[in-house]
Amino acid sequence: MISQPAGYLTSMGIGTSIILIAVGAILRFAVTLSTKNVNWDIVGDVLMVVGVVGLVVSLIWAATVTRRTDRGSTTVVER
């Protein structure tokens, strides 16, 4: 398994969430498309809600991981 930097997955989660929120807002407020089977306003609402939930989870995850890893401390063991 390839190890990746600690912030990589977190930033991808935040970026994906922001994209979902943006696409949802565009579908909800800017698109005046009407189709028979799909209500695009509801699709936009769902994408925005999923994006907000993903953003909150990503931020909580980032705060938890940052708190767990103490980068500034160095342990010295004397023999």
PDB file of N, CA and C in Angstrom:
ATOM      1  N   MET A   1       0.834  -1.174   0.000  1.00  0.00           N
ATOM      2  CA  MET A   1       0.000   0.000   0.000  1.00  0.00           C
ATOM      3  C   MET A   1       0.884   1.244   0.000  1.00  0.00           C
ATOM      4  N   ILE A   2       0.569   2.185  -0.860  1.00  0.00           N
ATOM      5  CA  ILE A   2       1.365   3.403  -0.982  1.00  0.00           C
ATOM      6  C   ILE A   2       0.871   4.410   0.049  1.00  0.00           C
ATOM      7  N   SER A   3       1.822   4.966   0.799  1.00  0.00           N
ATOM      8  CA  SER A   3       1.434   5.948   1.802  1.00  0.00           C
ATOM      9  C   SER A   3       1.420   7.333   1.174  1.00  0.00           C
ATOM     10  N   GLN A   4       0.424   8.141   1.541  1.00  0.00           N
ATOM     11  CA  GLN A   4       0.284   9.480   1.009  1.00  0.00           C
ATOM     12  C   GLN A   4       0.429  10.486   2.134  1.00  0.00           C
ATOM     13  N   PRO A   5       0.718  11.739   1.801  1.00  0.00           N
ATOM     14  CA  PRO A   5       0.843  12.759   2.841  1.00  0.00           C
ATOM     15  C   PRO A   5      -0.437  12.870   3.654  1.00  0.00           C
ATOM     16  N   ALA A   6      -0.302  13.309   4.895  1.00  0.00           N
ATOM     17  CA  ALA A   6      -1.435  13.356   5.822  1.00  0.00           C
ATOM     18  C   ALA A   6      -2.567  14.244   5.329  1.00  0.00           C
ATOM     19  N   GLY A   7      -2.276  15.385   4.727  1.00  0.00           N
ATOM     20  CA  GLY A   7      -3.318  16.308   4.316  1.00  0.00           C
ATOM     21  C   GLY A   7      -3.938  16.001   2.969  1.00  0.00           C
ATOM     22  N   TYR A   8      -3.431  14.999   2.258  1.00  0.00           N
ATOM     23  CA  TYR A   8      -3.895  14.730   0.901  1.00  0.00           C
ATOM     24  C   TYR A   8      -5.369  14.361   0.858  1.00  0.00           C
ATOM     25  N   LEU A   9      -5.769  13.372   1.639  1.00  0.00           N
ATOM     26  CA  LEU A   9      -7.160  12.934   1.615  1.00  0.00           C
ATOM     27  C   LEU A   9      -8.093  14.008   2.159  1.00  0.00           C
ATOM     28  N   THR A  10      -7.641  14.744   3.145  1.00  0.00           N
ATOM     29  CA  THR A  10      -8.467  15.800   3.713  1.00  0.00           C
ATOM     30  C   THR A  10      -8.719  16.896   2.692  1.00  0.00           C
ATOM     31  N   SER A  11      -7.686  17.346   2.002  1.00  0.00           N
ATOM     32  CA  SER A  11      -7.887  18.403   1.029  1.00  0.00           C
ATOM     33  C   SER A  11      -8.738  17.916  -0.141  1.00  0.00           C
ATOM     34  N   MET A  12      -8.624  16.670  -0.513  1.00  0.00           N
ATOM     35  CA  MET A  12      -9.480  16.140  -1.557  1.00  0.00           C
ATOM     36  C   MET A  12     -10.927  16.123  -1.094  1.00  0.00           C
ATOM     37  N   GLY A  13     -11.167  15.788   0.153  1.00  0.00           N
ATOM     38  CA  GLY A  13     -12.535  15.796   0.670  1.00  0.00           C
ATOM     39  C   GLY A  13     -13.117  17.190   0.713  1.00  0.00           C
ATOM     40  N   ILE A  14     -12.312  18.156   1.125  1.00  0.00           N
ATOM     41  CA  ILE A  14     -12.774  19.541   1.178  1.00  0.00           C
ATOM     42  C   ILE A  14     -13.015  20.069  -0.235  1.00  0.00           C
ATOM     43  N   GLY A  15     -12.101  19.778  -1.140  1.00  0.00           N
ATOM     44  CA  GLY A  15     -12.261  20.235  -2.520  1.00  0.00           C
ATOM     45  C   GLY A  15     -13.478  19.634  -3.196  1.00  0.00           C
ATOM     46  N   THR A  16     -13.685  18.350  -2.994  1.00  0.00           N
ATOM     47  CA  THR A  16     -14.843  17.682  -3.577  1.00  0.00           C
ATOM     48  C   THR A  16     -16.133  18.248  -3.009  1.00  0.00           C
ATOM     49  N   SER A  17     -16.139  18.522  -1.719  1.00  0.00           N
ATOM     50  CA  SER A  17     -17.331  19.089  -1.086  1.00  0.00           C
ATOM     51  C   SER A  17     -17.656  20.466  -1.644  1.00  0.00           C
ATOM     52  N   ILE A  18     -16.628  21.278  -1.831  1.00  0.00           N
ATOM     53  CA  ILE A  18     -16.856  22.620  -2.381  1.00  0.00           C
ATOM     54  C   ILE A  18     -17.382  22.532  -3.810  1.00  0.00           C
ATOM     55  N   ILE A  19     -16.857  21.596  -4.593  1.00  0.00           N
ATOM     56  CA  ILE A  19     -17.353  21.414  -5.964  1.00  0.00           C
ATOM     57  C   ILE A  19     -18.808  20.969  -5.958  1.00  0.00           C
ATOM     58  N   LEU A  20     -19.168  20.040  -5.062  1.00  0.00           N
ATOM     59  CA  LEU A  20     -20.563  19.597  -4.975  1.00  0.00           C
ATOM     60  C   LEU A  20     -21.488  20.755  -4.590  1.00  0.00           C
ATOM     61  N   ILE A  21     -21.055  21.581  -3.650  1.00  0.00           N
ATOM     62  CA  ILE A  21     -21.866  22.732  -3.247  1.00  0.00           C
ATOM     63  C   ILE A  21     -22.039  23.695  -4.424  1.00  0.00           C
ATOM     64  N   ALA A  22     -20.961  23.944  -5.155  1.00  0.00           N
ATOM     65  CA  ALA A  22     -21.028  24.870  -6.290  1.00  0.00           C
ATOM     66  C   ALA A  22     -21.931  24.340  -7.400  1.00  0.00           C
ATOM     67  N   VAL A  23     -21.783  23.071  -7.745  1.00  0.00           N
ATOM     68  CA  VAL A  23     -22.625  22.486  -8.805  1.00  0.00           C
ATOM     69  C   VAL A  23     -24.087  22.474  -8.362  1.00  0.00           C
ATOM     70  N   GLY A  24     -24.322  22.140  -7.097  1.00  0.00           N
ATOM     71  CA  GLY A  24     -25.692  22.148  -6.583  1.00  0.00           C
ATOM     72  C   GLY A  24     -26.309  23.530  -6.622  1.00  0.00           C
ATOM     73  N   ALA A  25     -25.526  24.545  -6.264  1.00  0.00           N
ATOM     74  CA  ALA A  25     -26.038  25.914  -6.298  1.00  0.00           C
ATOM     75  C   ALA A  25     -26.333  26.357  -7.726  1.00  0.00           C
ATOM     76  N   ILE A  26     -25.483  25.961  -8.651  1.00  0.00           N
ATOM     77  CA  ILE A  26     -25.739  26.297 -10.059  1.00  0.00           C
ATOM     78  C   ILE A  26     -27.021  25.640 -10.536  1.00  0.00           C
ATOM     79  N   LEU A  27     -27.199  24.358 -10.213  1.00  0.00           N
ATOM     80  CA  LEU A  27     -28.414  23.667 -10.641  1.00  0.00           C
ATOM     81  C   LEU A  27     -29.654  24.257  -9.973  1.00  0.00           C
ATOM     82  N   ARG A  28     -29.516  24.656  -8.733  1.00  0.00           N
ATOM     83  CA  ARG A  28     -30.672  25.159  -7.982  1.00  0.00           C
ATOM     84  C   ARG A  28     -31.077  26.563  -8.411  1.00  0.00           C
ATOM     85  N   PHE A  29     -30.097  27.452  -8.561  1.00  0.00           N
ATOM     86  CA  PHE A  29     -30.432  28.861  -8.739  1.00  0.00           C
ATOM     87  C   PHE A  29     -30.225  29.393 -10.155  1.00  0.00           C
ATOM     88  N   ALA A  30     -29.387  28.765 -10.968  1.00  0.00           N
ATOM     89  CA  ALA A  30     -29.045  29.356 -12.261  1.00  0.00           C
ATOM     90  C   ALA A  30     -29.618  28.601 -13.454  1.00  0.00           C
ATOM     91  N   VAL A  31     -29.989  27.353 -13.274  1.00  0.00           N
ATOM     92  CA  VAL A  31     -30.454  26.561 -14.404  1.00  0.00           C
ATOM     93  C   VAL A  31     -31.978  26.605 -14.457  1.00  0.00           C
ATOM     94  N   THR A  32     -32.509  26.924 -15.620  1.00  0.00           N
ATOM     95  CA  THR A  32     -33.961  26.949 -15.792  1.00  0.00           C
ATOM     96  C   THR A  32     -34.412  25.818 -16.713  1.00  0.00           C
ATOM     97  N   LEU A  33     -33.785  24.686 -16.550  1.00  0.00           N
ATOM     98  CA  LEU A  33     -34.091  23.511 -17.358  1.00  0.00           C
ATOM     99  C   LEU A  33     -35.287  22.791 -16.750  1.00  0.00           C
ATOM    100  N   SER A  34     -36.224  22.410 -17.590  1.00  0.00           N
ATOM    101  CA  SER A  34     -37.342  21.627 -17.064  1.00  0.00           C
ATOM    102  C   SER A  34     -37.490  20.369 -17.903  1.00  0.00           C
ATOM    103  N   THR A  35     -37.477  19.248 -17.215  1.00  0.00           N
ATOM    104  CA  THR A  35     -37.661  17.964 -17.875  1.00  0.00           C
ATOM    105  C   THR A  35     -38.833  17.249 -17.224  1.00  0.00           C
ATOM    106  N   LYS A  36     -39.287  16.235 -17.892  1.00  0.00           N
ATOM    107  CA  LYS A  36     -40.467  15.520 -17.427  1.00  0.00           C
ATOM    108  C   LYS A  36     -40.182  14.651 -16.201  1.00  0.00           C
ATOM    109  N   ASN A  37     -39.034  13.984 -16.173  1.00  0.00           N
ATOM    110  CA  ASN A  37     -38.754  13.004 -15.128  1.00  0.00           C
ATOM    111  C   ASN A  37     -37.844  13.498 -14.007  1.00  0.00           C
ATOM    112  N   VAL A  38     -37.113  14.592 -14.234  1.00  0.00           N
ATOM    113  CA  VAL A  38     -36.129  15.035 -13.249  1.00  0.00           C
ATOM    114  C   VAL A  38     -36.431  16.472 -12.838  1.00  0.00           C
ATOM    115  N   ASN A  39     -36.509  16.691 -11.534  1.00  0.00           N
ATOM    116  CA  ASN A  39     -36.654  18.037 -11.001  1.00  0.00           C
ATOM    117  C   ASN A  39     -35.253  18.535 -10.640  1.00  0.00           C
ATOM    118  N   TRP A  40     -34.688  19.406 -11.465  1.00  0.00           N
ATOM    119  CA  TRP A  40     -33.300  19.826 -11.307  1.00  0.00           C
ATOM    120  C   TRP A  40     -33.091  20.686 -10.070  1.00  0.00           C
ATOM    121  N   ASP A  41     -34.125  21.349  -9.587  1.00  0.00           N
ATOM    122  CA  ASP A  41     -34.002  22.103  -8.331  1.00  0.00           C
ATOM    123  C   ASP A  41     -33.727  21.161  -7.164  1.00  0.00           C
ATOM    124  N   ILE A  42     -34.414  20.032  -7.135  1.00  0.00           N
ATOM    125  CA  ILE A  42     -34.209  19.052  -6.061  1.00  0.00           C
ATOM    126  C   ILE A  42     -32.816  18.419  -6.181  1.00  0.00           C
ATOM    127  N   VAL A  43     -32.373  18.149  -7.410  1.00  0.00           N
ATOM    128  CA  VAL A  43     -31.027  17.600  -7.607  1.00  0.00           C
ATOM    129  C   VAL A  43     -29.989  18.591  -7.077  1.00  0.00           C
ATOM    130  N   GLY A  44     -30.186  19.870  -7.342  1.00  0.00           N
ATOM    131  CA  GLY A  44     -29.278  20.893  -6.823  1.00  0.00           C
ATOM    132  C   GLY A  44     -29.294  20.951  -5.306  1.00  0.00           C
ATOM    133  N   ASP A  45     -30.486  20.854  -4.712  1.00  0.00           N
ATOM    134  CA  ASP A  45     -30.588  20.852  -3.244  1.00  0.00           C
ATOM    135  C   ASP A  45     -29.858  19.663  -2.638  1.00  0.00           C
ATOM    136  N   VAL A  46     -30.040  18.497  -3.232  1.00  0.00           N
ATOM    137  CA  VAL A  46     -29.388  17.282  -2.714  1.00  0.00           C
ATOM    138  C   VAL A  46     -27.872  17.407  -2.813  1.00  0.00           C
ATOM    139  N   LEU A  47     -27.370  17.900  -3.938  1.00  0.00           N
ATOM    140  CA  LEU A  47     -25.922  18.065  -4.095  1.00  0.00           C
ATOM    141  C   LEU A  47     -25.359  19.057  -3.078  1.00  0.00           C
ATOM    142  N   MET A  48     -26.091  20.130  -2.819  1.00  0.00           N
ATOM    143  CA  MET A  48     -25.613  21.104  -1.827  1.00  0.00           C
ATOM    144  C   MET A  48     -25.595  20.500  -0.426  1.00  0.00           C
ATOM    145  N   VAL A  49     -26.613  19.741  -0.078  1.00  0.00           N
ATOM    146  CA  VAL A  49     -26.656  19.113   1.253  1.00  0.00           C
ATOM    147  C   VAL A  49     -25.526  18.099   1.394  1.00  0.00           C
ATOM    148  N   VAL A  50     -25.315  17.277   0.377  1.00  0.00           N
ATOM    149  CA  VAL A  50     -24.226  16.297   0.422  1.00  0.00           C
ATOM    150  C   VAL A  50     -22.878  17.002   0.514  1.00  0.00           C
ATOM    151  N   GLY A  51     -22.712  18.096  -0.207  1.00  0.00           N
ATOM    152  CA  GLY A  51     -21.475  18.858  -0.140  1.00  0.00           C
ATOM    153  C   GLY A  51     -21.227  19.460   1.235  1.00  0.00           C
ATOM    154  N   VAL A  52     -22.269  19.993   1.858  1.00  0.00           N
ATOM    155  CA  VAL A  52     -22.117  20.576   3.197  1.00  0.00           C
ATOM    156  C   VAL A  52     -21.783  19.493   4.215  1.00  0.00           C
ATOM    157  N   VAL A  53     -22.469  18.357   4.139  1.00  0.00           N
ATOM    158  CA  VAL A  53     -22.174  17.251   5.064  1.00  0.00           C
ATOM    159  C   VAL A  53     -20.738  16.767   4.863  1.00  0.00           C
ATOM    160  N   GLY A  54     -20.310  16.610   3.614  1.00  0.00           N
ATOM    161  CA  GLY A  54     -18.939  16.196   3.332  1.00  0.00           C
ATOM    162  C   GLY A  54     -17.915  17.202   3.825  1.00  0.00           C
ATOM    163  N   LEU A  55     -18.224  18.481   3.698  1.00  0.00           N
ATOM    164  CA  LEU A  55     -17.314  19.526   4.171  1.00  0.00           C
ATOM    165  C   LEU A  55     -17.180  19.484   5.691  1.00  0.00           C
ATOM    166  N   VAL A  56     -18.299  19.334   6.388  1.00  0.00           N
ATOM    167  CA  VAL A  56     -18.257  19.256   7.856  1.00  0.00           C
ATOM    168  C   VAL A  56     -17.462  18.036   8.308  1.00  0.00           C
ATOM    169  N   VAL A  57     -17.721  16.890   7.688  1.00  0.00           N
ATOM    170  CA  VAL A  57     -16.998  15.669   8.056  1.00  0.00           C
ATOM    171  C   VAL A  57     -15.509  15.828   7.764  1.00  0.00           C
ATOM    172  N   SER A  58     -15.157  16.417   6.631  1.00  0.00           N
ATOM    173  CA  SER A  58     -13.744  16.610   6.289  1.00  0.00           C
ATOM    174  C   SER A  58     -13.049  17.539   7.273  1.00  0.00           C
ATOM    175  N   LEU A  59     -13.729  18.605   7.674  1.00  0.00           N
ATOM    176  CA  LEU A  59     -13.127  19.535   8.623  1.00  0.00           C
ATOM    177  C   LEU A  59     -12.956  18.903  10.003  1.00  0.00           C
ATOM    178  N   ILE A  60     -13.937  18.119  10.429  1.00  0.00           N
ATOM    179  CA  ILE A  60     -13.809  17.406  11.710  1.00  0.00           C
ATOM    180  C   ILE A  60     -12.665  16.408  11.632  1.00  0.00           C
ATOM    181  N   TRP A  61     -12.578  15.687  10.520  1.00  0.00           N
ATOM    182  CA  TRP A  61     -11.503  14.705  10.340  1.00  0.00           C
ATOM    183  C   TRP A  61     -10.140  15.401  10.354  1.00  0.00           C
ATOM    184  N   ALA A  62     -10.035  16.548   9.674  1.00  0.00           N
ATOM    185  CA  ALA A  62      -8.766  17.277   9.634  1.00  0.00           C
ATOM    186  C   ALA A  62      -8.371  17.758  11.026  1.00  0.00           C
ATOM    187  N   ALA A  63      -9.332  18.239  11.798  1.00  0.00           N
ATOM    188  CA  ALA A  63      -9.039  18.702  13.153  1.00  0.00           C
ATOM    189  C   ALA A  63      -8.607  17.545  14.043  1.00  0.00           C
ATOM    190  N   THR A  64      -9.234  16.397  13.878  1.00  0.00           N
ATOM    191  CA  THR A  64      -8.886  15.227  14.686  1.00  0.00           C
ATOM    192  C   THR A  64      -7.496  14.720  14.342  1.00  0.00           C
ATOM    193  N   VAL A  65      -7.172  14.631  13.070  1.00  0.00           N
ATOM    194  CA  VAL A  65      -5.865  14.135  12.643  1.00  0.00           C
ATOM    195  C   VAL A  65      -4.778  15.111  13.065  1.00  0.00           C
ATOM    196  N   THR A  66      -5.033  16.405  12.939  1.00  0.00           N
ATOM    197  CA  THR A  66      -4.053  17.410  13.330  1.00  0.00           C
ATOM    198  C   THR A  66      -3.788  17.351  14.828  1.00  0.00           C
ATOM    199  N   ARG A  67      -4.820  17.128  15.598  1.00  0.00           N
ATOM    200  CA  ARG A  67      -4.655  17.057  17.048  1.00  0.00           C
ATOM    201  C   ARG A  67      -3.901  15.799  17.455  1.00  0.00           C
ATOM    202  N   ARG A  68      -4.097  14.712  16.714  1.00  0.00           N
ATOM    203  CA  ARG A  68      -3.455  13.445  17.053  1.00  0.00           C
ATOM    204  C   ARG A  68      -1.968  13.435  16.762  1.00  0.00           C
ATOM    205  N   THR A  69      -1.570  14.046  15.671  1.00  0.00           N
ATOM    206  CA  THR A  69      -0.151  14.044  15.300  1.00  0.00           C
ATOM    207  C   THR A  69       0.509  15.276  15.878  1.00  0.00           C
ATOM    208  N   ASP A  70       1.456  15.064  16.743  1.00  0.00           N
ATOM    209  CA  ASP A  70       2.188  16.155  17.364  1.00  0.00           C
ATOM    210  C   ASP A  70       3.498  16.299  16.614  1.00  0.00           C
ATOM    211  N   ARG A  71       3.571  17.222  15.693  1.00  0.00           N
ATOM    212  CA  ARG A  71       4.731  17.345  14.820  1.00  0.00           C
ATOM    213  C   ARG A  71       5.890  18.082  15.470  1.00  0.00           C
ATOM    214  N   GLY A  72       5.618  18.896  16.466  1.00  0.00           N
ATOM    215  CA  GLY A  72       6.660  19.729  17.038  1.00  0.00           C
ATOM    216  C   GLY A  72       7.493  19.058  18.105  1.00  0.00           C
ATOM    217  N   SER A  73       7.038  17.972  18.655  1.00  0.00           N
ATOM    218  CA  SER A  73       7.779  17.365  19.767  1.00  0.00           C
ATOM    219  C   SER A  73       8.785  16.342  19.269  1.00  0.00           C
ATOM    220  N   THR A  74       9.899  16.289  19.959  1.00  0.00           N
ATOM    221  CA  THR A  74      10.935  15.317  19.653  1.00  0.00           C
ATOM    222  C   THR A  74      11.218  14.533  20.925  1.00  0.00           C
ATOM    223  N   THR A  75      11.260  13.239  20.813  1.00  0.00           N
ATOM    224  CA  THR A  75      11.540  12.398  21.968  1.00  0.00           C
ATOM    225  C   THR A  75      12.999  11.988  21.948  1.00  0.00           C
ATOM    226  N   VAL A  76      13.675  12.241  23.060  1.00  0.00           N
ATOM    227  CA  VAL A  76      15.074  11.878  23.187  1.00  0.00           C
ATOM    228  C   VAL A  76      15.159  10.793  24.254  1.00  0.00           C
ATOM    229  N   VAL A  77      15.763   9.670  23.900  1.00  0.00           N
ATOM    230  CA  VAL A  77      15.922   8.565  24.836  1.00  0.00           C
ATOM    231  C   VAL A  77      17.387   8.419  25.144  1.00  0.00           C
ATOM    232  N   GLU A  78      17.731   8.536  26.417  1.00  0.00           N
ATOM    233  CA  GLU A  78      19.133   8.381  26.828  1.00  0.00           C
ATOM    234  C   GLU A  78      19.408   6.908  27.110  1.00  0.00           C
ATOM    235  N   ARG A  79      20.623   6.475  26.801  1.00  0.00           N
ATOM    236  CA  ARG A  79      20.982   5.073  27.035  1.00  0.00           C
ATOM    237  C   ARG A  79      21.803   4.928  28.262  1.00  0.00           C
TER     238      ARG A  79
END
